[in-house]
C-alpha atoms as a PDB file:
ATOM      1  CA  MET A   1      91.350  -6.591  72.619  1.00  0.00           C
ATOM      2  CA  SER A   2      88.380  -5.230  74.945  1.00  0.00           C
ATOM      3  CA  LEU A   3      84.745  -4.408  74.548  1.00  0.00           C
ATOM      4  CA  GLY A   4      84.027  -1.569  76.798  1.00  0.00           C
ATOM      5  CA  GLY A   5      86.662  -2.841  79.146  1.00  0.00           C
ATOM      6  CA  LEU A   6      85.537  -6.233  78.833  1.00  0.00           C
ATOM      7  CA  TYR A   7      88.108  -8.809  77.519  1.00  0.00           C
ATOM      8  CA  LEU A   8      86.285 -11.172  74.793  1.00  0.00           C
ATOM      9  CA  GLU A   9      88.088 -14.649  75.627  1.00  0.00           C
ATOM     10  CA  LYS A  10      85.473 -17.245  74.400  1.00  0.00           C
ATOM     11  CA  LEU A  11      82.682 -15.681  76.499  1.00  0.00           C
ATOM     12  CA  SER A  12      79.035 -16.647  75.687  1.00  0.00           C
ATOM     13  CA  ALA A  13      76.560 -13.474  74.832  1.00  0.00           C
ATOM     14  CA  LYS A  14      74.930 -13.846  78.185  1.00  0.00           C
ATOM     15  CA  GLU A  15      78.350 -13.535  79.868  1.00  0.00           C
ATOM     16  CA  ILE A  16      79.170 -10.655  77.830  1.00  0.00           C
ATOM     17  CA  TYR A  17      75.772  -9.191  78.668  1.00  0.00           C
ATOM     18  CA  ALA A  18      76.130  -9.557  82.439  1.00  0.00           C
ATOM     19  CA  SER A  19      79.582  -7.879  82.345  1.00  0.00           C
ATOM     20  CA  LEU A  20      78.419  -4.871  80.127  1.00  0.00           C
ATOM     21  CA  TYR A  21      75.039  -4.553  82.210  1.00  0.00           C
ATOM     22  CA  ARG A  22      77.045  -3.501  85.365  1.00  0.00           C
ATOM     23  CA  MET A  23      78.674  -0.643  83.151  1.00  0.00           C
ATOM     24  CA  TYR A  24      75.328  -0.018  80.868  1.00  0.00           C
ATOM     25  CA  PRO A  25      72.239  -1.178  82.674  1.00  0.00           C
ATOM     26  CA  GLY A  26      70.169   0.256  79.775  1.00  0.00           C
ATOM     27  CA  ILE A  27      71.851  -2.520  77.330  1.00  0.00           C
ATOM     28  CA  GLY A  28      69.570  -5.329  76.282  1.00  0.00           C
ATOM     29  CA  LEU A  29      70.395  -8.997  75.560  1.00  0.00           C
ATOM     30  CA  THR A  30      69.028  -8.618  71.979  1.00  0.00           C
ATOM     31  CA  THR A  31      71.552  -5.770  71.583  1.00  0.00           C
ATOM     32  CA  VAL A  32      74.503  -7.772  72.387  1.00  0.00           C
ATOM     33  CA  TYR A  33      73.306 -10.700  70.384  1.00  0.00           C
ATOM     34  CA  ARG A  34      72.969  -8.499  67.217  1.00  0.00           C
ATOM     35  CA  THR A  35      75.984  -6.914  67.907  1.00  0.00           C
ATOM     36  CA  LEU A  36      78.005 -10.200  68.127  1.00  0.00           C
ATOM     37  CA  ASP A  37      76.359 -11.389  64.927  1.00  0.00           C
ATOM     38  CA  LEU A  38      77.599  -8.136  63.130  1.00  0.00           C
ATOM     39  CA  LEU A  39      81.134  -8.519  64.512  1.00  0.00           C
ATOM     40  CA  VAL A  40      81.092 -12.158  63.238  1.00  0.00           C
ATOM     41  CA  ARG A  41      79.803 -11.129  59.707  1.00  0.00           C
ATOM     42  CA  MET A  42      82.314  -8.307  59.562  1.00  0.00           C
ATOM     43  CA  GLY A  43      85.180 -10.868  60.449  1.00  0.00           C
ATOM     44  CA  PHE A  44      86.304  -9.259  63.754  1.00  0.00           C
ATOM     45  CA  ILE A  45      85.350 -12.259  65.875  1.00  0.00           C
ATOM     46  CA  ASN A  46      85.027 -16.136  65.674  1.00  0.00           C
ATOM     47  CA  LYS A  47      81.710 -17.765  66.800  1.00  0.00           C
ATOM     48  CA  PHE A  48      82.091 -21.253  68.266  1.00  0.00           C
ATOM     49  CA  THR A  49      78.901 -23.445  68.462  1.00  0.00           C
ATOM     50  CA  PHE A  50      78.694 -26.956  69.680  1.00  0.00           C
ATOM     51  CA  GLY A  51      76.355 -29.389  71.215  1.00  0.00           C
ATOM     52  CA  ASN A  52      73.488 -27.779  73.322  1.00  0.00           C
ATOM     53  CA  GLY A  53      75.760 -25.455  75.027  1.00  0.00           C
ATOM     54  CA  PRO A  54      75.777 -21.618  74.228  1.00  0.00           C
ATOM     55  CA  SER A  55      77.953 -20.207  71.311  1.00  0.00           C
ATOM     56  CA  ARG A  56      81.040 -18.676  72.592  1.00  0.00           C
ATOM     57  CA  TYR A  57      82.887 -15.641  70.985  1.00  0.00           C
ATOM     58  CA  GLU A  58      86.596 -14.800  70.445  1.00  0.00           C
ATOM     59  CA  PHE A  59      88.274 -11.795  68.814  1.00  0.00           C
ATOM     60  CA  LYS A  60      90.089 -12.858  65.794  1.00  0.00           C
ATOM     61  CA  PHE A  61      92.877 -10.275  65.690  1.00  0.00           C
ATOM     62  CA  GLU A  62      94.873  -9.851  68.794  1.00  0.00           C
ATOM     63  CA  LYS A  63      98.611  -8.723  68.503  1.00  0.00           C
ATOM     64  CA  LYS A  64      99.705 -11.008  71.177  1.00  0.00           C
ATOM     65  CA  LYS A  65      97.884 -14.027  70.123  1.00  0.00           C
ATOM     66  CA  LYS A  66      99.419 -16.311  67.381  1.00  0.00           C
ATOM     67  CA  HIS A  67      97.391 -18.223  64.641  1.00  0.00           C
ATOM     68  CA  HIS A  68      95.819 -21.069  66.676  1.00  0.00           C
ATOM     69  CA  HIS A  69      93.256 -23.699  66.482  1.00  0.00           C
ATOM     70  CA  HIS A  70      90.879 -25.417  68.915  1.00  0.00           C
ATOM     71  CA  LEU A  71      90.119 -28.508  71.048  1.00  0.00           C
ATOM     72  CA  LEU A  72      86.384 -28.452  72.105  1.00  0.00           C
ATOM     73  CA  CYS A  73      85.348 -30.593  75.050  1.00  0.00           C
ATOM     74  CA  THR A  74      81.742 -32.012  74.020  1.00  0.00           C
ATOM     75  CA  ASN A  75      81.044 -32.694  77.629  1.00  0.00           C
ATOM     76  CA  CYS A  76      81.883 -29.514  79.541  1.00  0.00           C
ATOM     77  CA  GLY A  77      82.452 -26.836  76.799  1.00  0.00           C
ATOM     78  CA  ARG A  78      85.977 -26.299  77.646  1.00  0.00           C
ATOM     79  CA  ILE A  79      87.799 -24.586  74.693  1.00  0.00           C
ATOM     80  CA  ILE A  80      91.652 -25.224  74.472  1.00  0.00           C
ATOM     81  CA  ASP A  81      93.689 -23.070  72.047  1.00  0.00           C
ATOM     82  CA  TYR A  82      96.505 -24.958  70.550  1.00  0.00           C
ATOM     83  CA  ASN A  83      99.193 -24.040  67.910  1.00  0.00           C
ATOM     84  CA  ASP A  84     101.271 -27.251  67.883  1.00  0.00           C
ATOM     85  CA  PHE A  85     101.939 -28.217  64.282  1.00  0.00           C
ATOM     86  CA  ILE A  86     100.506 -24.944  63.178  1.00  0.00           C
ATOM     87  CA  ASP A  87     103.166 -24.622  60.235  1.00  0.00           C
ATOM     88  CA  GLU A  88     102.138 -27.931  59.012  1.00  0.00           C
ATOM     89  CA  GLU A  89      98.364 -27.382  59.343  1.00  0.00           C
ATOM     90  CA  LEU A  90      98.896 -23.964  57.552  1.00  0.00           C
ATOM     91  CA  GLU A  91     100.857 -25.712  54.538  1.00  0.00           C
ATOM     92  CA  LEU A  92      98.144 -28.237  54.181  1.00  0.00           C
ATOM     93  CA  THR A  93      95.253 -25.744  54.662  1.00  0.00           C
ATOM     94  CA  LYS A  94      96.889 -23.432  51.953  1.00  0.00           C
ATOM     95  CA  LYS A  95      96.984 -26.302  49.440  1.00  0.00           C
ATOM     96  CA  THR A  96      93.329 -27.195  50.211  1.00  0.00           C
ATOM     97  CA  GLU A  97      92.302 -23.537  49.951  1.00  0.00           C
ATOM     98  CA  GLU A  98      93.892 -23.494  46.447  1.00  0.00           C
ATOM     99  CA  THR A  99      92.371 -26.605  45.223  1.00  0.00           C
ATOM    100  CA  LEU A 100      89.177 -25.798  46.455  1.00  0.00           C
ATOM    101  CA  ALA A 101      89.278 -22.050  44.972  1.00  0.00           C
ATOM    102  CA  LYS A 102      90.166 -23.671  41.583  1.00  0.00           C
ATOM    103  CA  LYS A 103      87.627 -26.237  41.644  1.00  0.00           C
ATOM    104  CA  TYR A 104      84.623 -24.160  42.732  1.00  0.00           C
ATOM    105  CA  ASN A 105      85.783 -20.891  41.667  1.00  0.00           C
ATOM    106  CA  PHE A 106      85.646 -19.734  45.315  1.00  0.00           C
ATOM    107  CA  LYS A 107      87.699 -17.161  47.144  1.00  0.00           C
ATOM    108  CA  VAL A 108      88.562 -18.457  50.516  1.00  0.00           C
ATOM    109  CA  GLN A 109      88.956 -15.675  53.098  1.00  0.00           C
ATOM    110  CA  ASP A 110      89.536 -17.551  56.272  1.00  0.00           C
ATOM    111  CA  HIS A 111      89.463 -21.034  58.026  1.00  0.00           C
ATOM    112  CA  ASN A 112      89.204 -22.561  61.415  1.00  0.00           C
ATOM    113  CA  ILE A 113      90.232 -25.995  62.364  1.00  0.00           C
ATOM    114  CA  GLU A 114      88.515 -27.690  65.402  1.00  0.00           C
ATOM    115  CA  PHE A 115      88.655 -30.924  66.910  1.00  0.00           C
ATOM    116  CA  TYR A 116      85.891 -32.241  69.266  1.00  0.00           C
ATOM    117  CA  GLY A 117      86.190 -34.639  71.933  1.00  0.00           C
ATOM    118  CA  LEU A 118      86.809 -35.018  75.752  1.00  0.00           C
ATOM    119  CA  CYS A 119      89.148 -32.906  77.837  1.00  0.00           C
ATOM    120  CA  GLU A 120      91.248 -34.536  80.330  1.00  0.00           C
ATOM    121  CA  LYS A 121      88.648 -33.992  83.219  1.00  0.00           C
ATOM    122  CA  CYS A 122      85.823 -35.406  81.406  1.00  0.00           C
ATOM    123  CA  GLN A 123      87.611 -38.505  80.195  1.00  0.00           C
END
């Protein structure tokens, strides 16, 4: 999926702004932040924030991408997609969602699993 020809693959707002600015020099950074916030609230993109680094964004629904989770390096900010054990994780998550929904009368709409640590280069 693209945003004005820009493929959103875990980019920061400033990276998105820099790319869009070349095509639309009148765009403001505030507009990019507001639009990203709206897309997160509407459920079209995921926002990843960790440490002191900038938030990063990723489209939720890409036909070629399977459901996946993330490994996040707390040193360099690298984000690794993985779908190893995804069936087991989804089964456990479904049971957890059902239990939480009953206990707190809460309708779970989505979930995200992230592991924080150090990537191969930063270890």
